[in-house]
Amino acid sequence: MIPLSSEHDSVAHDIVDSALAVHRALGPGLLESVYERCLAYELHVRGFKVEQQVNRPVVYREVRLEAGFRIDILVNDVVVIELKTVDRLLPIHEAQLLTYLKLSGKRLGLLLNFNVPLIKDGIRGLAL
């Protein structure tokens, strides 16, 4: 496996710091869409290129199919963020993020669950 670039590390660090700021300000218990908008805003203010609800086709048998595959947030075109507001992260959530990484051709993803007392307990990083 090829190591991740310093850009990946730097962007991921700032995403985690931004998620911490959002969680500190809002706490747990809100809708996923609220955290998504606030996190996107926080990252934008910090100078990142932020895309929300990015539609991507699924390529099946060399055919591009629009299948409703949507990345919650894509930062600087290198890090995929999948947001959750669940009681606890499950293996299916990690599997979902891994699938998104494979289908998008991106190498690094962050799974962020904002429905936790401490945001550090709701962060998972996955890399291909």
Protein backbone atom coordinates (compact mmCIF):
# COMPACT_ATOMS: atom_id res chain seq x y z
CA MET A 1 0.00 0.00 0.00
CA ILE A 2 1.30 3.44 -0.95
CA PRO A 3 1.49 5.81 2.04
CA LEU A 4 -0.96 8.70 2.14
CA SER A 5 0.37 12.10 1.12
CA SER A 6 1.09 14.94 3.51
CA GLU A 7 -1.96 16.68 1.98
CA HIS A 8 -4.17 13.80 3.13
CA ASP A 9 -2.74 14.07 6.65
CA SER A 10 -3.08 17.84 6.79
CA VAL A 11 -6.65 17.89 5.45
CA ALA A 12 -7.71 15.05 7.79
CA HIS A 13 -6.23 16.86 10.78
CA ASP A 14 -8.12 20.05 9.94
CA ILE A 15 -11.35 18.12 9.35
CA VAL A 16 -11.08 16.55 12.80
CA ASP A 17 -10.33 19.95 14.33
CA SER A 18 -13.34 21.44 12.50
CA ALA A 19 -15.60 18.59 13.65
CA LEU A 20 -14.44 19.24 17.21
CA ALA A 21 -15.33 22.94 16.87
CA VAL A 22 -18.80 22.14 15.49
CA HIS A 23 -19.49 19.53 18.16
CA ARG A 24 -18.25 21.85 20.90
CA ALA A 25 -20.64 24.57 19.70
CA LEU A 26 -23.71 22.40 19.05
CA GLY A 27 -23.34 19.24 21.13
CA PRO A 28 -25.07 15.96 20.23
CA GLY A 29 -28.73 15.46 19.38
CA LEU A 30 -29.31 17.38 16.15
CA LEU A 31 -30.09 16.12 12.66
CA GLU A 32 -27.27 14.92 10.43
CA SER A 33 -28.08 17.66 7.92
CA VAL A 34 -27.40 20.36 10.55
CA TYR A 35 -23.94 18.98 11.32
CA GLU A 36 -23.22 18.60 7.61
CA ARG A 37 -24.00 22.24 6.87
CA CYS A 38 -22.10 23.52 9.89
CA LEU A 39 -19.05 21.34 9.19
CA ALA A 40 -19.04 22.37 5.53
CA TYR A 41 -19.21 26.02 6.58
CA GLU A 42 -16.40 25.60 9.12
CA LEU A 43 -14.17 23.94 6.52
CA HIS A 44 -15.00 26.60 3.93
CA VAL A 45 -14.08 29.37 6.39
CA ARG A 46 -10.76 27.60 6.94
CA GLY A 47 -10.05 27.83 3.20
CA PHE A 48 -10.92 24.35 2.00
CA LYS A 49 -12.74 23.44 -1.18
CA VAL A 50 -15.90 21.81 0.11
CA GLU A 51 -18.53 19.92 -1.89
CA GLN A 52 -21.71 18.61 -0.30
CA GLN A 53 -23.95 15.76 -1.43
CA VAL A 54 -21.67 14.94 -4.34
CA ASN A 55 -23.44 12.68 -6.84
CA ARG A 56 -21.21 10.01 -8.30
CA PRO A 57 -22.20 7.31 -10.75
CA VAL A 58 -21.58 3.65 -10.12
CA VAL A 59 -19.63 1.92 -12.86
CA TYR A 60 -20.97 -1.57 -13.40
CA ARG A 61 -19.73 -3.70 -16.30
CA GLU A 62 -18.12 -0.60 -17.82
CA VAL A 63 -21.47 1.22 -17.79
CA ARG A 64 -21.95 4.40 -15.75
CA LEU A 65 -25.19 4.17 -13.80
CA GLU A 66 -26.75 6.95 -11.75
CA ALA A 67 -27.63 4.93 -8.68
CA GLY A 68 -28.06 7.55 -5.97
CA PHE A 69 -24.49 7.23 -4.69
CA ARG A 70 -23.84 10.46 -2.78
CA ILE A 71 -20.82 11.56 -0.79
CA ASP A 72 -21.88 13.68 2.21
CA ILE A 73 -18.83 15.97 2.03
CA LEU A 74 -15.77 15.91 -0.21
CA VAL A 75 -12.87 18.10 0.96
CA ASN A 76 -10.21 19.37 -1.46
CA ASP A 77 -11.18 16.48 -3.74
CA VAL A 78 -9.10 14.13 -1.55
CA VAL A 79 -11.00 13.26 1.66
CA VAL A 80 -14.49 11.74 1.80
CA ILE A 81 -16.56 12.50 4.89
CA GLU A 82 -19.51 10.33 5.84
CA LEU A 83 -21.59 11.88 8.63
CA LYS A 84 -23.80 10.02 11.08
CA THR A 85 -25.97 10.85 14.06
CA VAL A 86 -26.45 7.39 15.54
CA ASP A 87 -26.20 5.88 19.03
CA ARG A 88 -23.01 4.08 18.01
CA LEU A 89 -21.04 3.38 14.87
CA LEU A 90 -21.52 -0.10 13.47
CA PRO A 91 -19.42 -2.18 11.06
CA ILE A 92 -21.97 -1.42 8.31
CA HIS A 93 -21.11 2.29 8.57
CA GLU A 94 -17.42 1.53 8.00
CA ALA A 95 -18.35 -0.78 5.12
CA GLN A 96 -20.41 2.03 3.59
CA LEU A 97 -17.46 4.45 3.77
CA LEU A 98 -15.07 1.87 2.31
CA THR A 99 -17.48 1.32 -0.58
CA TYR A 100 -17.69 5.08 -1.15
CA LEU A 101 -13.89 5.28 -1.23
CA LYS A 102 -13.67 2.46 -3.76
CA LEU A 103 -16.41 3.84 -5.99
CA SER A 104 -15.05 7.39 -5.91
CA GLY A 105 -11.40 6.46 -6.37
CA LYS A 106 -10.44 8.38 -3.21
CA ARG A 107 -7.97 6.98 -0.69
CA LEU A 108 -8.96 8.54 2.64
CA GLY A 109 -12.30 8.76 4.38
CA LEU A 110 -13.51 9.95 7.75
CA LEU A 111 -16.62 8.60 9.42
CA LEU A 112 -17.93 11.23 11.85
CA ASN A 113 -20.71 10.46 14.33
CA PHE A 114 -21.92 13.63 16.03
CA ASN A 115 -24.39 11.89 18.36
CA VAL A 116 -21.80 11.22 21.07
CA PRO A 117 -20.87 13.08 24.27
CA LEU A 118 -17.22 13.32 23.14
CA ILE A 119 -16.60 13.73 19.40
CA LYS A 120 -13.30 11.83 19.64
CA ASP A 121 -15.39 8.72 20.34
CA GLY A 122 -17.31 9.25 17.09
CA ILE A 123 -14.39 9.53 14.65
CA ARG A 124 -13.07 6.70 12.46
CA GLY A 125 -10.54 7.12 9.69
CA LEU A 126 -10.31 4.61 6.85
CA ALA A 127 -7.75 4.46 4.06
CA LEU A 128 -7.30 2.42 0.90
